Amino acid sequence: MQRIISVIVVTLIFVLSSNAAFAKNLPAGGMTLEEVQKWLQDEGYKAQFYTLKDGGRTVASSSDGFSWKIYMFDCNPDGRCGSMQFAMGLDTKGAFNAEKMNDWSRDNRWARAYVDSVNDPWLEYDVDLTPGGTYELLNDEFTTWRNSVKHFHSFLGV
């Protein structure tokens, strides 16, 4: 009986510790734009650098037929950033208003919506990359973003 209990305990320790070994930690201090690009490409998505009007860079990508960008925030001089934001704006020729976006934001927990200065809708979703985390958690956040994008398009009817 003692031997059986010992075997069970050793087996449980092995199984629990081996599962932890599968989790891949995000880089300490967040991610660089290049690491974000590689992560998306490793997941099977296109990811291209896009230069902003102010000279900054972002990653442009798409999922499920919808285009969006990733903006990096809380960055150090070495380019490692503590958070990122998925963002998508739609050119609808001003077809939406703040009331419609408030309806979305009230009824949807994760992503927030607003209209810009010409009443075009935007959807944003923030992800903290520090003080730590795993690529598995990042993939889960990405799934939430993708689902939000699909739901947002359905909500808008575009």
N, C-alpha and C. Protein backbone atom coordinates (compact mmCIF):
# COMPACT_ATOMS: atom_id res chain seq x y z
N MET A 1 0.82 -1.19 0.00
CA MET A 1 0.00 0.00 0.00
C MET A 1 0.87 1.26 0.00
N GLN A 2 1.90 1.27 0.83
CA GLN A 2 2.82 2.41 0.90
C GLN A 2 3.46 2.65 -0.46
N ARG A 3 3.84 1.56 -1.13
CA ARG A 3 4.48 1.68 -2.45
C ARG A 3 3.50 2.27 -3.47
N ILE A 4 2.24 1.88 -3.42
CA ILE A 4 1.23 2.39 -4.35
C ILE A 4 1.05 3.90 -4.14
N ILE A 5 0.97 4.31 -2.90
CA ILE A 5 0.83 5.74 -2.59
C ILE A 5 2.05 6.51 -3.08
N SER A 6 3.23 5.95 -2.88
CA SER A 6 4.46 6.61 -3.34
C SER A 6 4.46 6.74 -4.87
N VAL A 7 4.04 5.71 -5.56
CA VAL A 7 3.98 5.76 -7.03
C VAL A 7 2.98 6.81 -7.48
N ILE A 8 1.84 6.89 -6.83
CA ILE A 8 0.82 7.89 -7.18
C ILE A 8 1.35 9.30 -6.96
N VAL A 9 1.98 9.52 -5.82
CA VAL A 9 2.54 10.84 -5.52
C VAL A 9 3.60 11.24 -6.53
N VAL A 10 4.51 10.34 -6.85
CA VAL A 10 5.57 10.62 -7.83
C VAL A 10 4.95 10.90 -9.20
N THR A 11 3.94 10.13 -9.58
CA THR A 11 3.27 10.32 -10.86
C THR A 11 2.58 11.69 -10.90
N LEU A 12 1.90 12.06 -9.84
CA LEU A 12 1.24 13.37 -9.79
C LEU A 12 2.25 14.50 -9.88
N ILE A 13 3.34 14.39 -9.18
CA ILE A 13 4.39 15.42 -9.23
C ILE A 13 4.92 15.53 -10.65
N PHE A 14 5.17 14.42 -11.29
CA PHE A 14 5.68 14.43 -12.67
C PHE A 14 4.68 15.07 -13.62
N VAL A 15 3.40 14.69 -13.52
CA VAL A 15 2.38 15.23 -14.42
C VAL A 15 2.21 16.73 -14.20
N LEU A 16 2.13 17.15 -12.96
CA LEU A 16 1.95 18.57 -12.68
C LEU A 16 3.15 19.40 -13.11
N SER A 17 4.34 18.90 -12.88
CA SER A 17 5.53 19.66 -13.26
C SER A 17 5.73 19.64 -14.77
N SER A 18 5.35 18.57 -15.44
CA SER A 18 5.53 18.53 -16.89
C SER A 18 4.54 19.46 -17.57
N ASN A 19 3.34 19.65 -17.03
CA ASN A 19 2.39 20.61 -17.60
C ASN A 19 2.93 22.03 -17.50
N ALA A 20 3.57 22.35 -16.40
CA ALA A 20 4.16 23.68 -16.24
C ALA A 20 5.28 23.90 -17.24
N ALA A 21 5.97 22.84 -17.61
CA ALA A 21 7.07 22.98 -18.57
C ALA A 21 6.56 23.34 -19.96
N PHE A 22 5.30 23.02 -20.28
CA PHE A 22 4.75 23.34 -21.58
C PHE A 22 4.42 24.81 -21.73
N ALA A 23 4.18 25.51 -20.65
CA ALA A 23 3.86 26.93 -20.70
C ALA A 23 5.11 27.71 -21.05
N LYS A 24 5.00 28.52 -22.09
CA LYS A 24 6.14 29.32 -22.53
C LYS A 24 5.92 30.76 -22.06
N ASN A 25 6.83 31.23 -21.23
CA ASN A 25 6.71 32.57 -20.67
C ASN A 25 6.95 33.64 -21.73
N LEU A 26 6.22 34.75 -21.59
CA LEU A 26 6.51 35.93 -22.40
C LEU A 26 7.87 36.49 -21.98
N PRO A 27 8.54 37.21 -22.86
CA PRO A 27 9.83 37.80 -22.47
C PRO A 27 9.67 38.75 -21.28
N ALA A 28 10.66 38.76 -20.43
CA ALA A 28 10.65 39.67 -19.27
C ALA A 28 10.60 41.11 -19.76
N GLY A 29 9.76 41.91 -19.15
CA GLY A 29 9.66 43.32 -19.53
C GLY A 29 8.75 43.58 -20.70
N GLY A 30 8.04 42.56 -21.19
CA GLY A 30 7.12 42.75 -22.30
C GLY A 30 7.67 42.24 -23.61
N MET A 31 7.14 42.76 -24.70
CA MET A 31 7.52 42.28 -26.03
C MET A 31 7.95 43.44 -26.92
N THR A 32 8.76 43.12 -27.90
CA THR A 32 9.12 44.10 -28.93
C THR A 32 8.14 43.93 -30.09
N LEU A 33 8.11 44.90 -30.97
CA LEU A 33 7.26 44.82 -32.16
C LEU A 33 7.65 43.61 -33.01
N GLU A 34 8.93 43.34 -33.08
CA GLU A 34 9.41 42.18 -33.85
C GLU A 34 8.93 40.87 -33.23
N GLU A 35 8.90 40.79 -31.91
CA GLU A 35 8.42 39.59 -31.23
C GLU A 35 6.92 39.41 -31.44
N VAL A 36 6.19 40.51 -31.47
CA VAL A 36 4.75 40.44 -31.74
C VAL A 36 4.52 39.93 -33.16
N GLN A 37 5.30 40.45 -34.10
CA GLN A 37 5.18 40.00 -35.48
C GLN A 37 5.46 38.49 -35.58
N LYS A 38 6.52 38.05 -34.94
CA LYS A 38 6.88 36.62 -34.97
C LYS A 38 5.80 35.77 -34.32
N TRP A 39 5.27 36.22 -33.19
CA TRP A 39 4.21 35.48 -32.52
C TRP A 39 3.02 35.29 -33.46
N LEU A 40 2.57 36.36 -34.12
CA LEU A 40 1.43 36.24 -35.03
C LEU A 40 1.75 35.30 -36.19
N GLN A 41 2.94 35.45 -36.76
CA GLN A 41 3.32 34.59 -37.88
C GLN A 41 3.41 33.13 -37.44
N ASP A 42 3.94 32.88 -36.26
CA ASP A 42 4.01 31.51 -35.73
C ASP A 42 2.62 30.91 -35.53
N GLU A 43 1.63 31.77 -35.29
CA GLU A 43 0.25 31.32 -35.12
C GLU A 43 -0.47 31.20 -36.46
N GLY A 44 0.23 31.53 -37.56
CA GLY A 44 -0.34 31.36 -38.89
C GLY A 44 -1.00 32.59 -39.48
N TYR A 45 -0.73 33.76 -38.90
CA TYR A 45 -1.33 35.00 -39.39
C TYR A 45 -0.29 35.85 -40.11
N LYS A 46 -0.74 36.61 -41.09
CA LYS A 46 0.17 37.57 -41.69
C LYS A 46 0.40 38.68 -40.67
N ALA A 47 1.58 39.24 -40.70
CA ALA A 47 1.91 40.33 -39.78
C ALA A 47 2.99 41.16 -40.45
N GLN A 48 2.61 42.36 -40.86
CA GLN A 48 3.54 43.24 -41.55
C GLN A 48 3.70 44.53 -40.76
N PHE A 49 4.89 45.07 -40.81
CA PHE A 49 5.10 46.35 -40.16
C PHE A 49 4.42 47.44 -40.97
N TYR A 50 3.87 48.41 -40.28
CA TYR A 50 3.14 49.51 -40.89
C TYR A 50 3.68 50.79 -40.26
N THR A 51 4.05 51.76 -41.08
CA THR A 51 4.58 53.03 -40.58
C THR A 51 3.43 54.02 -40.41
N LEU A 52 3.36 54.61 -39.22
CA LEU A 52 2.32 55.58 -38.90
C LEU A 52 2.71 56.97 -39.40
N LYS A 53 1.74 57.88 -39.45
CA LYS A 53 1.99 59.25 -39.92
C LYS A 53 3.05 59.96 -39.08
N ASP A 54 3.14 59.62 -37.79
CA ASP A 54 4.12 60.26 -36.92
C ASP A 54 5.49 59.59 -36.98
N GLY A 55 5.65 58.59 -37.86
CA GLY A 55 6.91 57.89 -38.01
C GLY A 55 7.04 56.64 -37.16
N GLY A 56 6.13 56.44 -36.23
CA GLY A 56 6.14 55.24 -35.42
C GLY A 56 5.74 54.02 -36.25
N ARG A 57 5.89 52.86 -35.64
CA ARG A 57 5.53 51.63 -36.35
C ARG A 57 4.51 50.83 -35.55
N THR A 58 3.78 50.04 -36.28
CA THR A 58 2.82 49.12 -35.69
C THR A 58 2.83 47.84 -36.52
N VAL A 59 2.07 46.86 -36.10
CA VAL A 59 1.93 45.63 -36.87
C VAL A 59 0.52 45.61 -37.45
N ALA A 60 0.43 45.40 -38.76
CA ALA A 60 -0.86 45.26 -39.42
C ALA A 60 -1.10 43.78 -39.68
N SER A 61 -2.31 43.33 -39.39
CA SER A 61 -2.64 41.93 -39.57
C SER A 61 -4.13 41.81 -39.87
N SER A 62 -4.61 40.58 -39.91
CA SER A 62 -6.04 40.35 -40.12
C SER A 62 -6.38 38.96 -39.62
N SER A 63 -7.67 38.78 -39.37
CA SER A 63 -8.19 37.47 -38.99
C SER A 63 -9.64 37.39 -39.45
N ASP A 64 -10.02 36.22 -39.89
CA ASP A 64 -11.40 35.99 -40.29
C ASP A 64 -11.90 37.00 -41.31
N GLY A 65 -10.98 37.51 -42.15
CA GLY A 65 -11.35 38.45 -43.20
C GLY A 65 -11.40 39.91 -42.78
N PHE A 66 -11.02 40.22 -41.55
CA PHE A 66 -11.07 41.58 -41.04
C PHE A 66 -9.67 42.08 -40.71
N SER A 67 -9.32 43.27 -41.17
CA SER A 67 -7.99 43.86 -40.94
C SER A 67 -7.98 44.68 -39.66
N TRP A 68 -6.83 44.69 -38.98
CA TRP A 68 -6.64 45.45 -37.75
C TRP A 68 -5.15 45.67 -37.53
N LYS A 69 -4.83 46.45 -36.50
CA LYS A 69 -3.43 46.74 -36.18
C LYS A 69 -3.18 46.49 -34.70
N ILE A 70 -1.90 46.36 -34.37
CA ILE A 70 -1.47 46.26 -32.97
C ILE A 70 -0.54 47.44 -32.69
N TYR A 71 -0.89 48.23 -31.68
CA TYR A 71 -0.09 49.35 -31.23
C TYR A 71 0.58 48.98 -29.92
N MET A 72 1.82 49.38 -29.77
CA MET A 72 2.58 49.05 -28.56
C MET A 72 2.60 50.26 -27.62
N PHE A 73 2.51 49.99 -26.31
CA PHE A 73 2.50 51.03 -25.28
C PHE A 73 3.45 50.65 -24.15
N ASP A 74 3.73 51.64 -23.31
CA ASP A 74 4.60 51.45 -22.14
C ASP A 74 5.95 50.87 -22.55
N CYS A 75 6.54 51.50 -23.59
CA CYS A 75 7.77 50.98 -24.17
C CYS A 75 9.02 51.58 -23.53
N ASN A 76 10.05 50.77 -23.42
CA ASN A 76 11.37 51.20 -22.95
C ASN A 76 12.20 51.64 -24.14
N PRO A 77 13.30 52.34 -23.91
CA PRO A 77 14.15 52.76 -25.02
C PRO A 77 14.66 51.60 -25.89
N ASP A 78 14.74 50.40 -25.31
CA ASP A 78 15.20 49.24 -26.09
C ASP A 78 14.10 48.63 -26.96
N GLY A 79 12.89 49.22 -26.92
CA GLY A 79 11.80 48.75 -27.76
C GLY A 79 10.92 47.68 -27.14
N ARG A 80 11.23 47.30 -25.91
CA ARG A 80 10.42 46.29 -25.21
C ARG A 80 9.24 47.02 -24.56
N CYS A 81 8.03 46.53 -24.82
CA CYS A 81 6.82 47.25 -24.40
C CYS A 81 6.00 46.42 -23.41
N GLY A 82 5.45 47.09 -22.43
CA GLY A 82 4.70 46.44 -21.36
C GLY A 82 3.25 46.17 -21.67
N SER A 83 2.73 46.75 -22.76
CA SER A 83 1.34 46.47 -23.14
C SER A 83 1.16 46.71 -24.62
N MET A 84 0.08 46.17 -25.13
CA MET A 84 -0.24 46.39 -26.54
C MET A 84 -1.74 46.55 -26.68
N GLN A 85 -2.11 47.12 -27.81
CA GLN A 85 -3.54 47.35 -28.07
C GLN A 85 -3.89 46.87 -29.47
N PHE A 86 -4.85 45.98 -29.54
CA PHE A 86 -5.44 45.61 -30.81
C PHE A 86 -6.44 46.71 -31.16
N ALA A 87 -6.43 47.17 -32.41
CA ALA A 87 -7.35 48.25 -32.80
C ALA A 87 -7.79 48.06 -34.24
N MET A 88 -9.05 48.41 -34.47
CA MET A 88 -9.61 48.33 -35.81
C MET A 88 -10.56 49.50 -36.00
N GLY A 89 -10.34 50.25 -37.08
CA GLY A 89 -11.25 51.32 -37.45
C GLY A 89 -11.89 50.98 -38.79
N LEU A 90 -13.14 51.36 -38.95
CA LEU A 90 -13.86 51.08 -40.18
C LEU A 90 -14.26 52.38 -40.86
N ASP A 91 -14.00 52.49 -42.14
CA ASP A 91 -14.41 53.66 -42.91
C ASP A 91 -15.85 53.44 -43.37
N THR A 92 -16.78 54.06 -42.67
CA THR A 92 -18.21 53.89 -42.98
C THR A 92 -18.83 55.20 -43.46
N LYS A 93 -18.00 56.16 -43.79
CA LYS A 93 -18.49 57.48 -44.24
C LYS A 93 -19.40 58.11 -43.19
N GLY A 94 -19.03 57.91 -41.92
CA GLY A 94 -19.75 58.55 -40.82
C GLY A 94 -21.11 57.98 -40.52
N ALA A 95 -21.30 56.69 -40.79
CA ALA A 95 -22.62 56.08 -40.67
C ALA A 95 -23.04 55.77 -39.23
N PHE A 96 -22.16 55.93 -38.27
CA PHE A 96 -22.51 55.53 -36.90
C PHE A 96 -22.37 56.72 -35.96
N ASN A 97 -22.95 56.58 -34.77
CA ASN A 97 -22.89 57.65 -33.78
C ASN A 97 -22.49 57.09 -32.42
N ALA A 98 -22.27 58.00 -31.49
CA ALA A 98 -21.82 57.60 -30.15
C ALA A 98 -22.86 56.72 -29.45
N GLU A 99 -24.12 56.97 -29.68
CA GLU A 99 -25.16 56.17 -29.04
C GLU A 99 -25.05 54.69 -29.44
N LYS A 100 -24.81 54.44 -30.70
CA LYS A 100 -24.65 53.06 -31.18
C LYS A 100 -23.42 52.42 -30.54
N MET A 101 -22.33 53.17 -30.44
CA MET A 101 -21.11 52.62 -29.83
C MET A 101 -21.31 52.42 -28.33
N ASN A 102 -22.07 53.28 -27.69
CA ASN A 102 -22.38 53.08 -26.28
C ASN A 102 -23.16 51.79 -26.07
N ASP A 103 -24.07 51.49 -26.99
CA ASP A 103 -24.82 50.23 -26.91
C ASP A 103 -23.85 49.05 -26.93
N TRP A 104 -22.89 49.11 -27.84
CA TRP A 104 -21.89 48.03 -27.91
C TRP A 104 -21.12 47.93 -26.60
N SER A 105 -20.56 49.04 -26.17
CA SER A 105 -19.69 49.04 -24.99
C SER A 105 -20.45 48.62 -23.72
N ARG A 106 -21.72 48.95 -23.66
CA ARG A 106 -22.52 48.56 -22.50
C ARG A 106 -22.74 47.05 -22.46
N ASP A 107 -22.93 46.44 -23.62
CA ASP A 107 -23.32 45.04 -23.68
C ASP A 107 -22.17 44.07 -23.93
N ASN A 108 -20.97 44.57 -24.12
CA ASN A 108 -19.82 43.71 -24.42
C ASN A 108 -18.69 44.02 -23.46
N ARG A 109 -18.25 43.02 -22.76
CA ARG A 109 -17.32 43.21 -21.65
C ARG A 109 -15.89 43.52 -22.08
N TRP A 110 -15.34 42.84 -23.04
CA TRP A 110 -13.89 42.88 -23.23
C TRP A 110 -13.41 44.02 -24.11
N ALA A 111 -13.96 44.18 -25.28
CA ALA A 111 -13.49 45.23 -26.20
C ALA A 111 -14.38 46.45 -26.08
N ARG A 112 -13.80 47.63 -26.30
CA ARG A 112 -14.57 48.86 -26.22
C ARG A 112 -14.67 49.49 -27.60
N ALA A 113 -15.76 50.20 -27.81
CA ALA A 113 -16.00 50.82 -29.11
C ALA A 113 -16.27 52.31 -28.93
N TYR A 114 -15.93 53.06 -29.97
CA TYR A 114 -16.23 54.49 -30.00
C TYR A 114 -16.27 54.94 -31.46
N VAL A 115 -16.74 56.15 -31.67
CA VAL A 115 -16.68 56.73 -33.01
C VAL A 115 -15.63 57.83 -33.01
N ASP A 116 -14.93 57.97 -34.13
CA ASP A 116 -13.91 59.01 -34.24
C ASP A 116 -14.56 60.33 -34.63
N SER A 117 -13.76 61.31 -34.99
CA SER A 117 -14.25 62.66 -35.26
C SER A 117 -15.16 62.74 -36.49
N VAL A 118 -15.16 61.72 -37.33
CA VAL A 118 -16.04 61.71 -38.51
C VAL A 118 -17.10 60.60 -38.40
N ASN A 119 -17.36 60.14 -37.16
CA ASN A 119 -18.38 59.13 -36.86
C ASN A 119 -18.14 57.78 -37.51
N ASP A 120 -16.88 57.41 -37.66
CA ASP A 120 -16.53 56.06 -38.09
C ASP A 120 -16.23 55.24 -36.84
N PRO A 121 -16.67 53.98 -36.80
CA PRO A 121 -16.50 53.16 -35.59
C PRO A 121 -15.10 52.58 -35.45
N TRP A 122 -14.67 52.50 -34.20
CA TRP A 122 -13.40 51.90 -33.81
C TRP A 122 -13.66 50.88 -32.71
N LEU A 123 -12.85 49.81 -32.74
CA LEU A 123 -12.88 48.79 -31.69
C LEU A 123 -11.47 48.63 -31.17
N GLU A 124 -11.31 48.60 -29.85
CA GLU A 124 -9.98 48.45 -29.24
C GLU A 124 -10.03 47.43 -28.11
N TYR A 125 -8.87 46.79 -27.92
CA TYR A 125 -8.72 45.77 -26.88
C TYR A 125 -7.29 45.82 -26.37
N ASP A 126 -7.12 46.10 -25.08
CA ASP A 126 -5.79 46.23 -24.48
C ASP A 126 -5.35 44.93 -23.82
N VAL A 127 -4.04 44.67 -23.92
CA VAL A 127 -3.44 43.48 -23.32
C VAL A 127 -2.19 43.89 -22.55
N ASP A 128 -2.14 43.56 -21.27
CA ASP A 128 -0.93 43.76 -20.47
C ASP A 128 0.05 42.63 -20.76
N LEU A 129 1.29 43.00 -20.97
CA LEU A 129 2.35 42.01 -21.22
C LEU A 129 3.29 41.87 -20.02
N THR A 130 3.14 42.74 -19.05
CA THR A 130 3.95 42.68 -17.84
C THR A 130 3.01 42.80 -16.64
N PRO A 131 3.37 42.28 -15.52
CA PRO A 131 4.68 41.86 -15.08
C PRO A 131 5.01 40.43 -15.43
N GLY A 132 4.26 39.81 -16.28
CA GLY A 132 4.58 38.44 -16.69
C GLY A 132 3.36 37.81 -17.33
N GLY A 133 3.57 36.68 -17.88
CA GLY A 133 2.49 35.96 -18.52
C GLY A 133 3.06 34.89 -19.42
N THR A 134 2.20 34.22 -20.15
CA THR A 134 2.62 33.15 -21.04
C THR A 134 2.05 33.40 -22.44
N TYR A 135 2.66 32.73 -23.40
CA TYR A 135 2.12 32.79 -24.76
C TYR A 135 0.73 32.14 -24.82
N GLU A 136 0.48 31.17 -23.97
CA GLU A 136 -0.84 30.55 -23.92
C GLU A 136 -1.90 31.57 -23.51
N LEU A 137 -1.58 32.40 -22.52
CA LEU A 137 -2.51 33.46 -22.11
C LEU A 137 -2.66 34.49 -23.23
N LEU A 138 -1.57 34.84 -23.89
CA LEU A 138 -1.63 35.78 -25.00
C LEU A 138 -2.51 35.23 -26.12
N ASN A 139 -2.40 33.94 -26.40
CA ASN A 139 -3.26 33.32 -27.41
C ASN A 139 -4.73 33.36 -27.00
N ASP A 140 -4.99 33.20 -25.71
CA ASP A 140 -6.35 33.30 -25.21
C ASP A 140 -6.89 34.72 -25.39
N GLU A 141 -6.06 35.72 -25.08
CA GLU A 141 -6.45 37.12 -25.29
C GLU A 141 -6.72 37.38 -26.77
N PHE A 142 -5.89 36.80 -27.62
CA PHE A 142 -6.05 36.96 -29.07
C PHE A 142 -7.37 36.36 -29.54
N THR A 143 -7.76 35.23 -28.98
CA THR A 143 -9.05 34.62 -29.32
C THR A 143 -10.19 35.54 -28.92
N THR A 144 -10.09 36.15 -27.76
CA THR A 144 -11.12 37.10 -27.32
C THR A 144 -11.20 38.27 -28.29
N TRP A 145 -10.05 38.80 -28.73
CA TRP A 145 -10.03 39.89 -29.71
C TRP A 145 -10.71 39.45 -31.01
N ARG A 146 -10.32 38.30 -31.53
CA ARG A 146 -10.89 37.83 -32.79
C ARG A 146 -12.40 37.66 -32.69
N ASN A 147 -12.87 37.10 -31.59
CA ASN A 147 -14.31 36.94 -31.39
C ASN A 147 -15.01 38.30 -31.29
N SER A 148 -14.36 39.25 -30.64
CA SER A 148 -14.93 40.60 -30.52
C SER A 148 -15.04 41.26 -31.89
N VAL A 149 -14.02 41.10 -32.73
CA VAL A 149 -14.03 41.69 -34.07
C VAL A 149 -15.19 41.12 -34.89
N LYS A 150 -15.35 39.81 -34.86
CA LYS A 150 -16.45 39.18 -35.61
C LYS A 150 -17.81 39.67 -35.09
N HIS A 151 -17.95 39.72 -33.79
CA HIS A 151 -19.21 40.16 -33.18
C HIS A 151 -19.47 41.63 -33.49
N PHE A 152 -18.43 42.46 -33.49
CA PHE A 152 -18.56 43.89 -33.78
C PHE A 152 -19.07 44.10 -35.21
N HIS A 153 -18.48 43.39 -36.16
CA HIS A 153 -18.94 43.51 -37.54
C HIS A 153 -20.40 43.08 -37.67
N SER A 154 -20.77 42.03 -36.99
CA SER A 154 -22.15 41.58 -37.02
C SER A 154 -23.07 42.64 -36.38
N PHE A 155 -22.65 43.19 -35.26
CA PHE A 155 -23.39 44.23 -34.56
C PHE A 155 -23.64 45.45 -35.46
N LEU A 156 -22.60 45.83 -36.21
CA LEU A 156 -22.71 47.00 -37.09
C LEU A 156 -23.43 46.69 -38.40
N GLY A 157 -23.47 45.41 -38.76
CA GLY A 157 -24.09 45.04 -40.01
C GLY A 157 -23.23 45.37 -41.22
N VAL A 158 -21.91 45.38 -41.01
CA VAL A 158 -20.99 45.68 -42.14
C VAL A 158 -20.10 44.49 -42.42
